[in-house]
Every structure is written in structure tokens, then in C-alpha cells.
């Protein structure tokens, strides 16, 4: 049978005719492919010569690659350095599970200190950019019959701590100005959280801080909805610092990490604390908040109402993260 198939294959090849493979030929090809794959995996486990060497191809004259943390460019954007340039875990030696290096957390702390110092050194360059930005925004707000007001933080303030980052805790940076800020969407959400009465749908009980009567008659129109009102009558701008703020490093120290991670281990005092460092804005920072009526639907009284709600929210709820421990509370200047 093998000779007949060979003759048929030769004849088909000579006359450019298609030949359908038989079941035995398909089985033979699968068997050969399986043998080849097994041979490859076997050599891979044994380190066979037919596999490529697992060595990074570099020039011979390059020498040893330095993996120590690189210095930060003094003229670079601080926010981009924080988000894209973090290499300060490099060079940490390998360790056993029961013998962690003593300087592991210090290396992360060192990077955050370098970021805070870098922002302070760039104060002169950023101040000019920030001043021109505020000038343009003030002219825009004025053209819309809006208003601006500054609030001063009473203690530390942090925004974006839950954002993804290689050092476990994030931070919100303005991509162009390289300063921490509060996005307009966050500010609007903060105002709405203070104004919304949050009534329980089943019991009708008042759960929030807002006034249910004022919400229906006045506040609801400011924010709008998807069903009846559409877009709100109040425009909320990003809240940026009046001047370049100072940063400092704070620490969270969870004591029950195995319990939080697995939920099968009970919380106990014998668990080791795991310090987590993160950036914060030092107290006394001033932020400018701007509101304007939406053309065609908003009024100047909406701006006054919005600032009253904003003041209540910043003084009672706080902005950003960790407000339960005193972060983010601000007072009108």
C-alpha cells in the first residue's frame, strides 16, 4: 500500500493534481509531530543544544549592566517620573523567605523622598506654568459669568492613592503642569455627595446630609440626571493648587495582612506589620476651585449655590482619600 501511495503522489506532483491524504497518512503525520514536540520538551528540560541559550544578547564590550537606581533628571516632569520612571527597587539582592533584606522598604521610601525633593527643586519652573494656567482659566470662567474661590487644607491631603502603581499606592498628577490636583469630576462628585439626601428606597428614611426638599427644588438641577433633566446647569472645573505645594511621605502600617489577604486566618497580634509608604500634600496648601453656569441652562445663583455646597462638603466630608483619619478637610480662605 505504501508503494501505491508513493506512485500516486509522484503522478499527482508531475501533473499538478491535488491528492487527498488518507487516514493512515494523517495518523502518521500526527505521530511524527507528537514525537517532535516530545523531543523538543525533553531537550528543553535537559537543556539540549538545539534550544537557544537563555542569555541576553548584548555587545561584548558593554560589560556589566548597572542595575542601581538612576538619578532623576532635574528638568523632567515630576508626575511622569513618578508614574513611569520608578526603578528604585533595582539592585535589591535576592533573599530567602525568612530573611528579607532590611533595606527593602527603605528603598521605596527613598524614591518617594526623591520625588518630593524633585518637585521642590522644580518650583521655579512650575510656578510660571501654573500662574499662566490660572490666568487662562480665570479669563474662561469670567467669560462664562462664573467665579473662583480658594480653600486651604487643614492637614495632609492625598488624591489618587488607589491608582495602580508599582509601589502599591498611587498619586494624581496633572500631566502638563506636574502638580497634584483634584479632577473636576471628583469635585462635582464631592458636591453632589454633600447635597444628595440619599433616601432609602424601601423605608423612605433620610440617610444623607442633604435636604430632601432643597434637593428636589434646587440642588437636583445643578447636577442633572439621565432621565429628566439631562446635563446639569453647573460647570465644575479642575481644582489646582494656587502655588506649588510641598510633599511629604506618610506611612500606613497594616497589622493583619494575612487576614486581609486570605480571610481564612484570624486577625491576631502575632502578625507582623507591613509598612506601606505613600506621598501626601503637606498641610496649608491652597487650592483654587472654579464654578460656572452652563450657557443656556445655568444662572449666577447656581454658582453661589454650588459654592455653598462645596464649602459644606470640604469642611465636613473632606476631599481625596483617608478622610476618616483627618485627611482632605479644607476651609475657605
C-alpha atoms as a PDB file:
ATOM      1  CA  UNK A   1       0.000   0.000   0.000  1.00  0.00           C
ATOM      2  CA  UNK A   2       2.879   2.331   0.734  1.00  0.00           C
ATOM      3  CA  UNK A   3       4.303   1.906  -2.809  1.00  0.00           C
ATOM      4  CA  UNK A   4       0.930   2.654  -4.398  1.00  0.00           C
ATOM      5  CA  UNK A   5       0.561   5.855  -2.377  1.00  0.00           C
ATOM      6  CA  UNK A   6       4.072   6.904  -3.339  1.00  0.00           C
ATOM      7  CA  UNK A   7       3.344   6.358  -7.025  1.00  0.00           C
ATOM      8  CA  UNK A   8       0.098   8.292  -6.763  1.00  0.00           C
ATOM      9  CA  UNK A   9       1.900  11.152  -5.058  1.00  0.00           C
ATOM     10  CA  UNK A  10       4.580  11.262  -7.770  1.00  0.00           C
ATOM     11  CA  UNK A  11       1.991  11.192 -10.547  1.00  0.00           C
ATOM     12  CA  UNK A  12      -0.042  13.982  -8.893  1.00  0.00           C
ATOM     13  CA  UNK A  13       3.045  16.113  -8.403  1.00  0.00           C
ATOM     14  CA  UNK A  14       4.117  15.693 -12.004  1.00  0.00           C
ATOM     15  CA  UNK A  15       0.703  16.775 -13.313  1.00  0.00           C
ATOM     16  CA  UNK A  16      -0.087  19.395 -10.598  1.00  0.00           C
ATOM     17  CA  UNK A  17      -3.081  17.441  -9.325  1.00  0.00           C
ATOM     18  CA  UNK A  18      -4.435  17.659  -5.748  1.00  0.00           C
ATOM     19  CA  UNK A  19      -4.220  14.484  -3.691  1.00  0.00           C
ATOM     20  CA  UNK A  20      -6.357  13.842  -0.625  1.00  0.00           C
ATOM     21  CA  UNK A  21      -4.430  12.389   2.283  1.00  0.00           C
ATOM     22  CA  UNK A  22      -5.561   9.045   3.606  1.00  0.00           C
ATOM     23  CA  UNK A  23      -6.384   8.359   7.232  1.00  0.00           C
ATOM     24  CA  UNK A  24      -3.166   6.390   7.689  1.00  0.00           C
ATOM     25  CA  UNK A  25      -1.064   9.269   6.360  1.00  0.00           C
ATOM     26  CA  UNK A  26      -2.786  11.774   8.678  1.00  0.00           C
ATOM     27  CA  UNK A  27      -2.218   9.452  11.648  1.00  0.00           C
ATOM     28  CA  UNK A  28       1.440   9.082  10.693  1.00  0.00           C
ATOM     29  CA  UNK A  29       1.910  12.866  10.478  1.00  0.00           C
ATOM     30  CA  UNK A  30       0.278  13.395  13.877  1.00  0.00           C
ATOM     31  CA  UNK A  31       2.514  10.732  15.374  1.00  0.00           C
ATOM     32  CA  UNK A  32       5.658  12.346  13.928  1.00  0.00           C
ATOM     33  CA  UNK A  33       4.561  15.781  15.130  1.00  0.00           C
ATOM     34  CA  UNK A  34       3.959  14.423  18.624  1.00  0.00           C
ATOM     35  CA  UNK A  35       7.369  12.785  18.679  1.00  0.00           C
ATOM     36  CA  UNK A  36       8.997  16.020  17.561  1.00  0.00           C
ATOM     37  CA  UNK A  37       7.207  18.000  20.267  1.00  0.00           C
ATOM     38  CA  UNK A  38       8.184  15.445  22.932  1.00  0.00           C
ATOM     39  CA  UNK A  39      11.780  15.583  21.744  1.00  0.00           C
ATOM     40  CA  UNK A  40      11.738  19.394  21.981  1.00  0.00           C
ATOM     41  CA  UNK A  41      10.290  19.412  25.501  1.00  0.00           C
ATOM     42  CA  UNK A  42      12.723  16.745  26.622  1.00  0.00           C
ATOM     43  CA  UNK A  43      15.665  18.748  25.386  1.00  0.00           C
ATOM     44  CA  UNK A  44      14.173  21.855  26.973  1.00  0.00           C
ATOM     45  CA  UNK A  45      14.118  20.130  30.360  1.00  0.00           C
ATOM     46  CA  UNK A  46      17.639  18.793  29.867  1.00  0.00           C
ATOM     47  CA  UNK A  47      18.960  21.978  28.290  1.00  0.00           C
ATOM     48  CA  UNK A  48      19.552  20.463  24.854  1.00  0.00           C
ATOM     49  CA  UNK A  49      21.885  22.046  22.316  1.00  0.00           C
ATOM     50  CA  UNK A  50      19.108  22.633  19.789  1.00  0.00           C
ATOM     51  CA  UNK A  51      17.484  25.302  22.012  1.00  0.00           C
ATOM     52  CA  UNK A  52      18.599  28.936  22.109  1.00  0.00           C
ATOM     53  CA  UNK A  53      20.752  29.910  25.039  1.00  0.00           C
ATOM     54  CA  UNK A  54      18.915  31.890  27.701  1.00  0.00           C
ATOM     55  CA  UNK A  55      21.365  34.776  27.662  1.00  0.00           C
ATOM     56  CA  UNK A  56      20.528  38.376  26.839  1.00  0.00           C
ATOM     57  CA  UNK A  57      22.353  39.235  23.584  1.00  0.00           C
ATOM     58  CA  UNK A  58      24.482  42.305  24.355  1.00  0.00           C
ATOM     59  CA  UNK A  59      27.641  43.695  22.841  1.00  0.00           C
ATOM     60  CA  UNK A  60      30.793  42.124  24.221  1.00  0.00           C
ATOM     61  CA  UNK A  61      32.319  45.473  25.136  1.00  0.00           C
ATOM     62  CA  UNK A  62      29.313  46.606  27.117  1.00  0.00           C
ATOM     63  CA  UNK A  63      30.438  44.946  30.316  1.00  0.00           C
ATOM     64  CA  UNK A  64      28.306  44.624  33.414  1.00  0.00           C
ATOM     65  CA  UNK A  65      24.911  46.329  33.314  1.00  0.00           C
ATOM     66  CA  UNK A  66      24.400  48.686  36.256  1.00  0.00           C
ATOM     67  CA  UNK A  67      21.059  47.988  37.955  1.00  0.00           C
ATOM     68  CA  UNK A  68      21.361  50.589  40.703  1.00  0.00           C
ATOM     69  CA  UNK A  69      18.712  53.348  40.829  1.00  0.00           C
ATOM     70  CA  UNK A  70      19.351  56.065  38.278  1.00  0.00           C
ATOM     71  CA  UNK A  71      19.331  59.750  39.216  1.00  0.00           C
ATOM     72  CA  UNK A  72      16.206  61.723  38.334  1.00  0.00           C
ATOM     73  CA  UNK A  73      16.535  64.239  35.515  1.00  0.00           C
ATOM     74  CA  UNK A  74      16.306  67.641  37.246  1.00  0.00           C
ATOM     75  CA  UNK A  75      14.301  69.206  34.383  1.00  0.00           C
ATOM     76  CA  UNK A  76      11.856  66.321  33.854  1.00  0.00           C
ATOM     77  CA  UNK A  77       8.142  66.299  34.626  1.00  0.00           C
ATOM     78  CA  UNK A  78       7.810  65.146  38.241  1.00  0.00           C
ATOM     79  CA  UNK A  79       4.482  63.434  37.655  1.00  0.00           C
ATOM     80  CA  UNK A  80       5.846  61.404  34.738  1.00  0.00           C
ATOM     81  CA  UNK A  81       8.885  60.447  36.790  1.00  0.00           C
ATOM     82  CA  UNK A  82       6.582  59.115  39.492  1.00  0.00           C
ATOM     83  CA  UNK A  83       4.358  57.182  37.075  1.00  0.00           C
ATOM     84  CA  UNK A  84       6.893  55.920  34.514  1.00  0.00           C
ATOM     85  CA  UNK A  85      10.397  56.092  35.945  1.00  0.00           C
ATOM     86  CA  UNK A  86      10.226  54.163  39.202  1.00  0.00           C
ATOM     87  CA  UNK A  87      13.256  51.865  39.246  1.00  0.00           C
ATOM     88  CA  UNK A  88      14.281  52.190  42.876  1.00  0.00           C
ATOM     89  CA  UNK A  89      13.604  48.545  43.650  1.00  0.00           C
ATOM     90  CA  UNK A  90      16.506  47.608  41.302  1.00  0.00           C
ATOM     91  CA  UNK A  91      19.651  46.188  42.786  1.00  0.00           C
ATOM     92  CA  UNK A  92      17.942  44.660  45.836  1.00  0.00           C
ATOM     93  CA  UNK A  93      19.705  41.311  46.422  1.00  0.00           C
ATOM     94  CA  UNK A  94      17.836  38.042  46.439  1.00  0.00           C
ATOM     95  CA  UNK A  95      16.737  36.795  49.836  1.00  0.00           C
ATOM     96  CA  UNK A  96      15.221  33.775  51.444  1.00  0.00           C
ATOM     97  CA  UNK A  97      11.600  33.777  52.507  1.00  0.00           C
ATOM     98  CA  UNK A  98      12.537  34.005  56.170  1.00  0.00           C
ATOM     99  CA  UNK A  99      15.361  36.532  55.691  1.00  0.00           C
ATOM    100  CA  UNK A 100      14.049  39.667  53.933  1.00  0.00           C
ATOM    101  CA  UNK A 101      16.544  42.482  53.396  1.00  0.00           C
ATOM    102  CA  UNK A 102      16.391  45.229  55.958  1.00  0.00           C
ATOM    103  CA  UNK A 103      16.595  47.961  53.291  1.00  0.00           C
ATOM    104  CA  UNK A 104      13.656  46.824  51.098  1.00  0.00           C
ATOM    105  CA  UNK A 105      11.140  49.351  52.435  1.00  0.00           C
ATOM    106  CA  UNK A 106      13.829  51.993  52.775  1.00  0.00           C
ATOM    107  CA  UNK A 107      14.445  51.776  49.022  1.00  0.00           C
ATOM    108  CA  UNK A 108      10.780  52.581  48.287  1.00  0.00           C
ATOM    109  CA  UNK A 109      10.853  55.366  50.849  1.00  0.00           C
ATOM    110  CA  UNK A 110      13.954  56.719  49.142  1.00  0.00           C
ATOM    111  CA  UNK A 111      12.147  57.009  45.808  1.00  0.00           C
ATOM    112  CA  UNK A 112       9.212  58.907  47.329  1.00  0.00           C
ATOM    113  CA  UNK A 113      11.619  61.268  49.085  1.00  0.00           C
ATOM    114  CA  UNK A 114      13.367  61.840  45.755  1.00  0.00           C
ATOM    115  CA  UNK A 115      10.025  62.700  44.089  1.00  0.00           C
ATOM    116  CA  UNK A 116       9.135  65.196  46.828  1.00  0.00           C
ATOM    117  CA  UNK A 117      12.582  66.775  46.574  1.00  0.00           C
ATOM    118  CA  UNK A 118      12.377  66.883  42.770  1.00  0.00           C
ATOM    119  CA  UNK A 119       9.074  68.797  42.862  1.00  0.00           C
ATOM    120  CA  UNK A 120      10.542  71.301  45.296  1.00  0.00           C
ATOM    121  CA  UNK A 121      13.614  71.848  43.098  1.00  0.00           C
ATOM    122  CA  UNK A 122      11.377  72.449  40.076  1.00  0.00           C
ATOM    123  CA  UNK A 123       9.295  75.025  41.927  1.00  0.00           C
ATOM    124  CA  UNK A 124      10.704  77.923  39.917  1.00  0.00           C
ATOM    125  CA  UNK A 125       9.867  76.332  36.548  1.00  0.00           C
ATOM    126  CA  UNK A 126       6.405  75.072  37.555  1.00  0.00           C
ATOM    127  CA  UNK A 127       5.356  78.354  39.192  1.00  0.00           C
ATOM    128  CA  UNK A 128       5.406  80.167  35.859  1.00  0.00           C
ATOM    129  CA  UNK A 129       3.407  77.441  34.112  1.00  0.00           C
ATOM    130  CA  UNK A 130       0.896  77.317  36.950  1.00  0.00           C
ATOM    131  CA  UNK A 131       0.460  81.099  37.013  1.00  0.00           C
ATOM    132  CA  UNK A 132      -0.231  81.262  33.276  1.00  0.00           C
ATOM    133  CA  UNK A 133      -2.676  78.370  33.535  1.00  0.00           C
ATOM    134  CA  UNK A 134      -4.616  80.103  36.307  1.00  0.00           C
ATOM    135  CA  UNK A 135      -4.708  83.277  34.210  1.00  0.00           C
ATOM    136  CA  UNK A 136      -6.223  81.464  31.232  1.00  0.00           C
ATOM    137  CA  UNK A 137      -8.737  79.624  33.398  1.00  0.00           C
ATOM    138  CA  UNK A 138      -9.748  82.838  35.187  1.00  0.00           C
ATOM    139  CA  UNK A 139     -10.493  84.509  31.846  1.00  0.00           C
ATOM    140  CA  UNK A 140     -12.535  81.482  30.755  1.00  0.00           C
ATOM    141  CA  UNK A 141     -14.525  81.392  33.999  1.00  0.00           C
ATOM    142  CA  UNK A 142     -15.128  85.143  33.817  1.00  0.00           C
ATOM    143  CA  UNK A 143     -16.403  84.869  30.243  1.00  0.00           C
ATOM    144  CA  UNK A 144     -18.951  82.295  31.469  1.00  0.00           C
ATOM    145  CA  UNK A 145     -20.076  84.538  34.372  1.00  0.00           C
ATOM    146  CA  UNK A 146     -18.545  82.076  36.809  1.00  0.00           C
ATOM    147  CA  UNK A 147     -16.427  82.549  39.940  1.00  0.00           C
ATOM    148  CA  UNK A 148     -13.376  81.119  41.701  1.00  0.00           C
ATOM    149  CA  UNK A 149     -12.533  80.634  45.347  1.00  0.00           C
ATOM    150  CA  UNK A 150      -9.512  79.289  47.241  1.00  0.00           C
ATOM    151  CA  UNK A 151      -9.647  76.721  50.032  1.00  0.00           C
ATOM    152  CA  UNK A 152      -6.787  75.863  52.398  1.00  0.00           C
ATOM    153  CA  UNK A 153      -6.128  72.322  53.590  1.00  0.00           C
ATOM    154  CA  UNK A 154      -6.270  71.903  57.369  1.00  0.00           C
ATOM    155  CA  UNK A 155      -3.969  68.894  57.412  1.00  0.00           C
ATOM    156  CA  UNK A 156      -2.491  66.489  54.905  1.00  0.00           C
ATOM    157  CA  UNK A 157      -4.264  65.801  51.649  1.00  0.00           C
ATOM    158  CA  UNK A 158      -3.876  62.959  49.145  1.00  0.00           C
ATOM    159  CA  UNK A 159      -5.713  62.206  45.914  1.00  0.00           C
ATOM    160  CA  UNK A 160      -5.447  59.067  43.772  1.00  0.00           C
ATOM    161  CA  UNK A 161      -3.973  56.773  46.398  1.00  0.00           C
ATOM    162  CA  UNK A 162      -5.938  53.862  44.930  1.00  0.00           C
ATOM    163  CA  UNK A 163      -4.497  54.244  41.437  1.00  0.00           C
ATOM    164  CA  UNK A 164      -2.264  51.426  40.226  1.00  0.00           C
ATOM    165  CA  UNK A 165       1.450  51.865  40.843  1.00  0.00           C
ATOM    166  CA  UNK A 166       4.451  49.596  41.292  1.00  0.00           C
ATOM    167  CA  UNK A 167       4.906  50.923  44.839  1.00  0.00           C
ATOM    168  CA  UNK A 168       1.341  49.875  45.805  1.00  0.00           C
ATOM    169  CA  UNK A 169      -0.024  53.422  46.271  1.00  0.00           C
ATOM    170  CA  UNK A 170      -0.719  55.958  43.517  1.00  0.00           C
ATOM    171  CA  UNK A 171      -0.928  59.726  43.276  1.00  0.00           C
ATOM    172  CA  UNK A 172      -2.801  62.063  40.916  1.00  0.00           C
ATOM    173  CA  UNK A 173      -0.591  64.402  38.872  1.00  0.00           C
ATOM    174  CA  UNK A 174      -1.571  66.998  36.311  1.00  0.00           C
ATOM    175  CA  UNK A 175       0.017  65.667  33.127  1.00  0.00           C
ATOM    176  CA  UNK A 176       1.147  69.072  31.840  1.00  0.00           C
ATOM    177  CA  UNK A 177       1.711  71.176  34.945  1.00  0.00           C
ATOM    178  CA  UNK A 178       3.250  68.361  37.008  1.00  0.00           C
ATOM    179  CA  UNK A 179       1.404  69.281  40.216  1.00  0.00           C
ATOM    180  CA  UNK A 180      -1.107  67.323  42.306  1.00  0.00           C
ATOM    181  CA  UNK A 181      -4.717  68.359  41.721  1.00  0.00           C
ATOM    182  CA  UNK A 182      -8.360  67.327  42.050  1.00  0.00           C
ATOM    183  CA  UNK A 183     -10.109  66.480  38.747  1.00  0.00           C
ATOM    184  CA  UNK A 184     -13.338  68.333  38.058  1.00  0.00           C
ATOM    185  CA  UNK A 185     -15.271  65.050  38.070  1.00  0.00           C
ATOM    186  CA  UNK A 186     -14.088  64.368  41.629  1.00  0.00           C
ATOM    187  CA  UNK A 187     -15.051  67.862  42.761  1.00  0.00           C
ATOM    188  CA  UNK A 188     -18.510  67.519  41.230  1.00  0.00           C
ATOM    189  CA  UNK A 189     -18.970  64.130  42.868  1.00  0.00           C
ATOM    190  CA  UNK A 190     -17.953  65.612  46.216  1.00  0.00           C
ATOM    191  CA  UNK A 191     -20.514  68.427  45.925  1.00  0.00           C
ATOM    192  CA  UNK A 192     -23.252  66.019  44.898  1.00  0.00           C
ATOM    193  CA  UNK A 193     -22.425  63.674  47.786  1.00  0.00           C
ATOM    194  CA  UNK A 194     -22.981  66.540  50.221  1.00  0.00           C
ATOM    195  CA  UNK A 195     -26.207  67.730  48.549  1.00  0.00           C
ATOM    196  CA  UNK A 196     -27.799  64.348  47.828  1.00  0.00           C
ATOM    197  CA  UNK A 197     -30.263  63.367  50.605  1.00  0.00           C
ATOM    198  CA  UNK A 198     -29.708  59.643  49.943  1.00  0.00           C
ATOM    199  CA  UNK A 199     -33.171  58.435  50.921  1.00  0.00           C
ATOM    200  CA  UNK A 200     -33.698  54.702  51.440  1.00  0.00           C
ATOM    201  CA  UNK A 201     -35.986  53.488  48.640  1.00  0.00           C
ATOM    202  CA  UNK A 202     -37.703  50.869  50.805  1.00  0.00           C
ATOM    203  CA  UNK A 203     -38.206  52.713  54.084  1.00  0.00           C
ATOM    204  CA  UNK A 204     -38.007  56.310  52.852  1.00  0.00           C
ATOM    205  CA  UNK A 205     -35.584  57.114  55.666  1.00  0.00           C
ATOM    206  CA  UNK A 206     -33.240  60.063  55.161  1.00  0.00           C
ATOM    207  CA  UNK A 207     -29.659  58.707  55.056  1.00  0.00           C
ATOM    208  CA  UNK A 208     -27.549  61.566  53.687  1.00  0.00           C
ATOM    209  CA  UNK A 209     -26.541  65.083  54.648  1.00  0.00           C
ATOM    210  CA  UNK A 210     -28.609  66.976  52.078  1.00  0.00           C
ATOM    211  CA  UNK A 211     -32.076  68.437  52.443  1.00  0.00           C
ATOM    212  CA  UNK A 212     -34.674  66.377  50.508  1.00  0.00           C
ATOM    213  CA  UNK A 213     -36.829  69.445  49.817  1.00  0.00           C
ATOM    214  CA  UNK A 214     -33.968  71.574  48.533  1.00  0.00           C
ATOM    215  CA  UNK A 215     -32.680  68.616  46.508  1.00  0.00           C
ATOM    216  CA  UNK A 216     -35.892  68.394  44.503  1.00  0.00           C
ATOM    217  CA  UNK A 217     -36.441  72.157  44.208  1.00  0.00           C
ATOM    218  CA  UNK A 218     -32.892  73.457  43.737  1.00  0.00           C
ATOM    219  CA  UNK A 219     -29.942  71.069  44.029  1.00  0.00           C
ATOM    220  CA  UNK A 220     -31.002  68.349  41.600  1.00  0.00           C
ATOM    221  CA  UNK A 221     -30.978  70.765  38.663  1.00  0.00           C
ATOM    222  CA  UNK A 222     -27.311  71.608  39.295  1.00  0.00           C
ATOM    223  CA  UNK A 223     -26.101  68.078  38.569  1.00  0.00           C
ATOM    224  CA  UNK A 224     -28.703  66.759  36.120  1.00  0.00           C
ATOM    225  CA  UNK A 225     -29.652  63.149  35.507  1.00  0.00           C
ATOM    226  CA  UNK A 226     -30.053  60.688  32.653  1.00  0.00           C
ATOM    227  CA  UNK A 227     -33.863  60.618  32.659  1.00  0.00           C
ATOM    228  CA  UNK A 228     -35.484  64.033  33.033  1.00  0.00           C
ATOM    229  CA  UNK A 229     -33.008  66.887  33.344  1.00  0.00           C
ATOM    230  CA  UNK A 230     -30.136  65.771  31.163  1.00  0.00           C
ATOM    231  CA  UNK A 231     -26.879  67.668  31.680  1.00  0.00           C
ATOM    232  CA  UNK A 232     -26.596  69.742  34.855  1.00  0.00           C
ATOM    233  CA  UNK A 233     -26.652  73.535  34.970  1.00  0.00           C
ATOM    234  CA  UNK A 234     -23.316  73.803  36.818  1.00  0.00           C
ATOM    235  CA  UNK A 235     -19.848  73.531  35.220  1.00  0.00           C
ATOM    236  CA  UNK A 236     -17.160  72.293  37.629  1.00  0.00           C
ATOM    237  CA  UNK A 237     -13.502  72.864  36.779  1.00  0.00           C
ATOM    238  CA  UNK A 238     -10.375  71.076  37.956  1.00  0.00           C
ATOM    239  CA  UNK A 239      -9.107  72.250  41.343  1.00  0.00           C
ATOM    240  CA  UNK A 240      -5.417  73.132  41.076  1.00  0.00           C
ATOM    241  CA  UNK A 241      -3.043  74.451  43.740  1.00  0.00           C
ATOM    242  CA  UNK A 242      -2.526  78.196  43.848  1.00  0.00           C
ATOM    243  CA  UNK A 243       1.200  77.601  44.340  1.00  0.00           C
ATOM    244  CA  UNK A 244       3.412  74.524  44.079  1.00  0.00           C
ATOM    245  CA  UNK A 245       2.603  72.503  47.213  1.00  0.00           C
ATOM    246  CA  UNK A 246       5.091  70.706  49.405  1.00  0.00           C
ATOM    247  CA  UNK A 247       5.009  66.906  49.534  1.00  0.00           C
ATOM    248  CA  UNK A 248       5.876  64.630  52.414  1.00  0.00           C
ATOM    249  CA  UNK A 249       5.896  60.878  52.926  1.00  0.00           C
ATOM    250  CA  UNK A 250       3.406  59.200  55.241  1.00  0.00           C
ATOM    251  CA  UNK A 251       3.034  55.561  56.235  1.00  0.00           C
ATOM    252  CA  UNK A 252       0.247  53.010  56.563  1.00  0.00           C
ATOM    253  CA  UNK A 253       1.034  50.081  58.813  1.00  0.00           C
ATOM    254  CA  UNK A 254      -1.471  47.207  58.396  1.00  0.00           C
ATOM    255  CA  UNK A 255      -1.066  44.679  61.213  1.00  0.00           C
ATOM    256  CA  UNK A 256      -3.302  41.892  59.899  1.00  0.00           C
ATOM    257  CA  UNK A 257      -2.134  41.396  56.306  1.00  0.00           C
ATOM    258  CA  UNK A 258      -2.703  37.575  56.289  1.00  0.00           C
ATOM    259  CA  UNK A 259      -6.287  38.110  57.450  1.00  0.00           C
ATOM    260  CA  UNK A 260      -6.987  40.780  54.800  1.00  0.00           C
ATOM    261  CA  UNK A 261      -5.471  38.645  52.027  1.00  0.00           C
ATOM    262  CA  UNK A 262      -6.760  35.159  52.792  1.00  0.00           C
ATOM    263  CA  UNK A 263      -9.754  35.701  55.119  1.00  0.00           C
ATOM    264  CA  UNK A 264      -9.060  32.177  56.437  1.00  0.00           C
ATOM    265  CA  UNK A 265      -6.520  33.362  59.007  1.00  0.00           C
ATOM    266  CA  UNK A 266      -7.936  35.110  62.076  1.00  0.00           C
ATOM    267  CA  UNK A 267      -6.564  38.565  62.956  1.00  0.00           C
ATOM    268  CA  UNK A 268      -4.110  38.312  65.803  1.00  0.00           C
ATOM    269  CA  UNK A 269      -1.364  40.300  67.489  1.00  0.00           C
ATOM    270  CA  UNK A 270       1.372  37.899  66.381  1.00  0.00           C
ATOM    271  CA  UNK A 271       1.107  39.016  62.735  1.00  0.00           C
ATOM    272  CA  UNK A 272       3.945  41.233  61.598  1.00  0.00           C
ATOM    273  CA  UNK A 273       3.037  44.778  60.482  1.00  0.00           C
ATOM    274  CA  UNK A 274       3.697  45.647  56.840  1.00  0.00           C
ATOM    275  CA  UNK A 275       4.629  49.331  56.440  1.00  0.00           C
ATOM    276  CA  UNK A 276       3.408  50.981  53.213  1.00  0.00           C
ATOM    277  CA  UNK A 277       4.800  54.397  52.291  1.00  0.00           C
ATOM    278  CA  UNK A 278       2.841  56.925  50.230  1.00  0.00           C
ATOM    279  CA  UNK A 279       3.008  60.557  49.156  1.00  0.00           C
ATOM    280  CA  UNK A 280       0.849  63.277  50.694  1.00  0.00           C
ATOM    281  CA  UNK A 281       0.426  67.039  50.282  1.00  0.00           C
ATOM    282  CA  UNK A 282       1.577  68.979  53.309  1.00  0.00           C
ATOM    283  CA  UNK A 283      -0.987  70.942  55.300  1.00  0.00           C
ATOM    284  CA  UNK A 284      -1.593  74.582  54.422  1.00  0.00           C
ATOM    285  CA  UNK A 285      -1.808  74.024  50.643  1.00  0.00           C
ATOM    286  CA  UNK A 286      -4.239  76.335  48.838  1.00  0.00           C
ATOM    287  CA  UNK A 287      -6.409  75.018  46.009  1.00  0.00           C
ATOM    288  CA  UNK A 288      -8.483  77.140  43.648  1.00  0.00           C
ATOM    289  CA  UNK A 289     -11.977  75.847  42.859  1.00  0.00           C
ATOM    290  CA  UNK A 290     -13.903  77.334  39.932  1.00  0.00           C
ATOM    291  CA  UNK A 291     -17.597  77.031  39.056  1.00  0.00           C
ATOM    292  CA  UNK A 292     -19.602  78.494  36.177  1.00  0.00           C
ATOM    293  CA  UNK A 293     -23.215  78.353  34.948  1.00  0.00           C
ATOM    294  CA  UNK A 294     -23.774  76.274  31.880  1.00  0.00           C
ATOM    295  CA  UNK A 295     -24.746  78.522  28.953  1.00  0.00           C
ATOM    296  CA  UNK A 296     -28.438  78.230  28.196  1.00  0.00           C
ATOM    297  CA  UNK A 297     -29.457  76.483  31.414  1.00  0.00           C
ATOM    298  CA  UNK A 298     -27.466  77.843  34.355  1.00  0.00           C
ATOM    299  CA  UNK A 299     -27.655  81.106  36.266  1.00  0.00           C
ATOM    300  CA  UNK A 300     -25.381  83.134  38.535  1.00  0.00           C
ATOM    301  CA  UNK A 301     -27.393  81.963  41.537  1.00  0.00           C
ATOM    302  CA  UNK A 302     -26.458  78.393  40.629  1.00  0.00           C
ATOM    303  CA  UNK A 303     -22.799  79.311  41.123  1.00  0.00           C
ATOM    304  CA  UNK A 304     -23.500  80.763  44.574  1.00  0.00           C
ATOM    305  CA  UNK A 305     -25.469  77.663  45.490  1.00  0.00           C
ATOM    306  CA  UNK A 306     -22.661  75.444  44.216  1.00  0.00           C
ATOM    307  CA  UNK A 307     -20.057  77.220  46.355  1.00  0.00           C
ATOM    308  CA  UNK A 308     -22.246  76.905  49.452  1.00  0.00           C
ATOM    309  CA  UNK A 309     -22.456  73.159  48.871  1.00  0.00           C
ATOM    310  CA  UNK A 310     -18.737  72.936  48.083  1.00  0.00           C
ATOM    311  CA  UNK A 311     -17.861  74.712  51.305  1.00  0.00           C
ATOM    312  CA  UNK A 312     -20.017  72.336  53.320  1.00  0.00           C
ATOM    313  CA  UNK A 313     -18.521  69.313  51.584  1.00  0.00           C
ATOM    314  CA  UNK A 314     -14.885  70.357  52.095  1.00  0.00           C
ATOM    315  CA  UNK A 315     -15.422  71.317  55.736  1.00  0.00           C
ATOM    316  CA  UNK A 316     -17.474  68.254  56.702  1.00  0.00           C
ATOM    317  CA  UNK A 317     -16.677  65.416  54.274  1.00  0.00           C
ATOM    318  CA  UNK A 318     -13.184  66.245  53.078  1.00  0.00           C
ATOM    319  CA  UNK A 319     -11.687  65.605  49.643  1.00  0.00           C
ATOM    320  CA  UNK A 320      -9.477  62.795  48.441  1.00  0.00           C
ATOM    321  CA  UNK A 321      -8.575  59.665  50.391  1.00  0.00           C
ATOM    322  CA  UNK A 322      -8.255  58.820  54.106  1.00  0.00           C
ATOM    323  CA  UNK A 323     -10.774  61.438  55.223  1.00  0.00           C
ATOM    324  CA  UNK A 324     -11.772  59.165  58.119  1.00  0.00           C
ATOM    325  CA  UNK A 325      -8.407  59.896  59.782  1.00  0.00           C
ATOM    326  CA  UNK A 326      -8.445  63.647  59.106  1.00  0.00           C
ATOM    327  CA  UNK A 327      -7.089  63.982  55.581  1.00  0.00           C
ATOM    328  CA  UNK A 328      -8.530  66.340  52.981  1.00  0.00           C
ATOM    329  CA  UNK A 329     -10.530  68.804  55.086  1.00  0.00           C
ATOM    330  CA  UNK A 330     -10.355  72.363  53.776  1.00  0.00           C
ATOM    331  CA  UNK A 331     -11.641  75.789  54.780  1.00  0.00           C
ATOM    332  CA  UNK A 332     -12.491  78.750  52.603  1.00  0.00           C
ATOM    333  CA  UNK A 333      -9.773  81.378  52.539  1.00  0.00           C
END
